Amino acid sequence: MGGSVFAEALLERVRQARAVLEVALEAGDAYSVAVAQDELDDAVRVARRHGVEVGAVEVEGE
């Protein structure tokens, strides 16, 4: 059970990072885009390191 809770937390981090990146892109704020992209890259890296597949993760509302 603990592993699935951890995996879901990692997936939620990826979802949130993707949502923030989308907002930053829409706003055209280069700094926010860079920060959001770094967060997304880190979230994906951590998830993959722990064997969590993130390819099918969608941002809420998609």
C-alpha atoms as a PDB file:
ATOM      1  CA  MET A   1       0.000   0.000   0.000  1.00  0.00           C
ATOM      2  CA  GLY A   2       2.790   2.457   0.872  1.00  0.00           C
ATOM      3  CA  GLY A   3       4.295   2.128  -2.587  1.00  0.00           C
ATOM      4  CA  SER A   4       1.046   3.006  -4.316  1.00  0.00           C
ATOM      5  CA  VAL A   5       0.554   6.059  -2.095  1.00  0.00           C
ATOM      6  CA  PHE A   6       4.083   7.180  -2.920  1.00  0.00           C
ATOM      7  CA  ALA A   7       3.552   6.579  -6.635  1.00  0.00           C
ATOM      8  CA  GLU A   8       0.309   8.543  -6.583  1.00  0.00           C
ATOM      9  CA  ALA A   9       2.056  11.433  -4.799  1.00  0.00           C
ATOM     10  CA  LEU A  10       4.721  11.459  -7.509  1.00  0.00           C
ATOM     11  CA  LEU A  11       2.072  11.433 -10.237  1.00  0.00           C
ATOM     12  CA  GLU A  12       0.240  14.294  -8.532  1.00  0.00           C
ATOM     13  CA  ARG A  13       3.475  16.286  -8.436  1.00  0.00           C
ATOM     14  CA  VAL A  14       3.856  15.741 -12.193  1.00  0.00           C
ATOM     15  CA  ARG A  15       0.217  16.754 -12.798  1.00  0.00           C
ATOM     16  CA  GLN A  16       0.648  19.942 -10.807  1.00  0.00           C
ATOM     17  CA  ALA A  17       3.930  20.791 -12.507  1.00  0.00           C
ATOM     18  CA  ARG A  18       2.331  20.328 -15.936  1.00  0.00           C
ATOM     19  CA  ALA A  19      -0.601  22.541 -14.939  1.00  0.00           C
ATOM     20  CA  VAL A  20       1.703  25.305 -13.688  1.00  0.00           C
ATOM     21  CA  LEU A  21       3.775  25.076 -16.859  1.00  0.00           C
ATOM     22  CA  GLU A  22       0.648  25.373 -18.983  1.00  0.00           C
ATOM     23  CA  VAL A  23      -0.436  28.524 -17.120  1.00  0.00           C
ATOM     24  CA  ALA A  24       3.040  30.044 -17.439  1.00  0.00           C
ATOM     25  CA  LEU A  25       3.104  29.318 -21.169  1.00  0.00           C
ATOM     26  CA  GLU A  26      -0.314  30.888 -21.636  1.00  0.00           C
ATOM     27  CA  ALA A  27       0.812  33.970 -19.713  1.00  0.00           C
ATOM     28  CA  GLY A  28       3.959  34.266 -21.825  1.00  0.00           C
ATOM     29  CA  ASP A  29       6.095  34.749 -18.721  1.00  0.00           C
ATOM     30  CA  ALA A  30       9.557  33.462 -19.661  1.00  0.00           C
ATOM     31  CA  TYR A  31      10.833  33.302 -16.085  1.00  0.00           C
ATOM     32  CA  SER A  32       7.777  31.383 -14.849  1.00  0.00           C
ATOM     33  CA  VAL A  33       8.056  29.033 -17.810  1.00  0.00           C
ATOM     34  CA  ALA A  34      11.694  28.290 -16.953  1.00  0.00           C
ATOM     35  CA  VAL A  35      10.895  27.656 -13.281  1.00  0.00           C
ATOM     36  CA  ALA A  36       7.868  25.514 -14.130  1.00  0.00           C
ATOM     37  CA  GLN A  37       9.822  23.504 -16.705  1.00  0.00           C
ATOM     38  CA  ASP A  38      12.565  22.841 -14.158  1.00  0.00           C
ATOM     39  CA  GLU A  39       9.965  21.612 -11.646  1.00  0.00           C
ATOM     40  CA  LEU A  40       8.357  19.371 -14.249  1.00  0.00           C
ATOM     41  CA  ASP A  41      11.716  17.953 -15.321  1.00  0.00           C
ATOM     42  CA  ASP A  42      12.609  17.222 -11.693  1.00  0.00           C
ATOM     43  CA  ALA A  43       9.224  15.651 -10.944  1.00  0.00           C
ATOM     44  CA  VAL A  44       9.476  13.379 -13.992  1.00  0.00           C
ATOM     45  CA  ARG A  45      13.076  12.446 -13.161  1.00  0.00           C
ATOM     46  CA  VAL A  46      12.175  11.481  -9.582  1.00  0.00           C
ATOM     47  CA  ALA A  47       9.140   9.497 -10.695  1.00  0.00           C
ATOM     48  CA  ARG A  48      11.099   7.569 -13.301  1.00  0.00           C
ATOM     49  CA  ARG A  49      13.912   6.919 -10.836  1.00  0.00           C
ATOM     50  CA  HIS A  50      11.336   5.163  -8.660  1.00  0.00           C
ATOM     51  CA  GLY A  51       9.838   3.210 -11.550  1.00  0.00           C
ATOM     52  CA  VAL A  52       6.695   5.309 -11.900  1.00  0.00           C
ATOM     53  CA  GLU A  53       5.591   5.792 -15.511  1.00  0.00           C
ATOM     54  CA  VAL A  54       4.453   9.362 -16.106  1.00  0.00           C
ATOM     55  CA  GLY A  55       3.656   9.295 -19.826  1.00  0.00           C
ATOM     56  CA  ALA A  56      -0.110   8.940 -19.347  1.00  0.00           C
ATOM     57  CA  VAL A  57      -0.432  11.512 -16.557  1.00  0.00           C
ATOM     58  CA  GLU A  58      -2.871  14.242 -17.552  1.00  0.00           C
ATOM     59  CA  VAL A  59      -3.474  17.668 -16.116  1.00  0.00           C
ATOM     60  CA  GLU A  60      -6.919  17.957 -14.514  1.00  0.00           C
ATOM     61  CA  GLY A  61      -9.456  19.278 -16.956  1.00  0.00           C
ATOM     62  CA  GLU A  62      -7.830  17.746 -20.049  1.00  0.00           C
END
